[in-house]
């Protein structure tokens, strides 16, 4: 029978400080036993070293654990130094070539697997609107929902063909935001009708095609969600994403360390509210202190409230089931064998040639 502590830990995906585990990290990983690990450029030197780090860290996790990395291409590409720079989603989408869009997903999946990952936190489904251009840059594939859907569908097919899970982000959409949610809570002044017809159209069209959705820390004051960050909002997570859109996969928070949530409420409150809202997995990318504060706050609230205890145990059960189903296990499974150095060099050459093709195919 799952204990409260086991349930609390199984809702966390956590980051590490460097390329090797420290003694302190081994201690708190053994304590919390998270659902997964997320790595950044600070953690990644070589494929062999990264695999060793993931193997050791996830030995403390349960089955069907996540080995996450952000590889979107362009400005968000944690493997650009270790392999080769990957083109951005926007540049790939601008070619209009479905085959090249799918190849984007395939190459990113091959990179991810070579380094031991089974999940990349991509694609971005935000619209490339003028309001967010200075914040999103080339991360957003297109300004229109149809362009985003076309790119994301092909990209996800490319990932899945190589056994890597994708994560659609940042629900319900950052296209209308002028602030960076890493620093502040964006207050997006789009109406519910605008969001439903435009920003949410990719989520509605692709709801059965991605295994995970990441929820943003933005607020939407012209909707029933009011000024509450979406991560902590039952309206956005339960009412809109699960009930109205009908999404049945894993629901993942954006980094709970970001200013978009922590400038709005403390970690202890944010973690509890996110679980209540319907989030299955809480991502905390850096601070051991915040990881432990999140973990302990969930336990404390479950010990204090029978209602929350039932909810916590249910979230843990659902999260585990969604990672362990037959279809998901093809993605959230073993990344396979390491590539020999010669094959990794070949992959890097293929990425560079692909990038040259994307540049050549840009509309003039």
Foldseek 3Di string as FASTA:
>chain_A
DDDLLQLLQAQEEEAADAQAHDPVLVVVLLRRQYLYYEYALRNDDELVSLQVRRVVSNVSHDPLGFYEYAPQFDPGHRCCPHFNGFHHLQLQLLLVDLVLLLVSLQLSLVVQLQSWGLEHADDELAAQAPLCCVPCPRSHHHNFNVSSLSSRLSNLNSNVVLQHAYEYDAPQHCNQFNDHQLEAATAGADAPVCSVVTSCVSCLVCLPRHQEYEYELHAHCNYVSHRGGLLLGLCRQPVPNCPVSNRQHAYEYDACNGRSNCVVDNLLVSLLSNLVSPHLHHYHHDDPVSVVSSSVSLSVVVVVDVVSVVSSVVSSVSNVCRSPDPSNCSRSDTSDDHDDPVVSNVSSVVSVVSVVVSVVSRDD
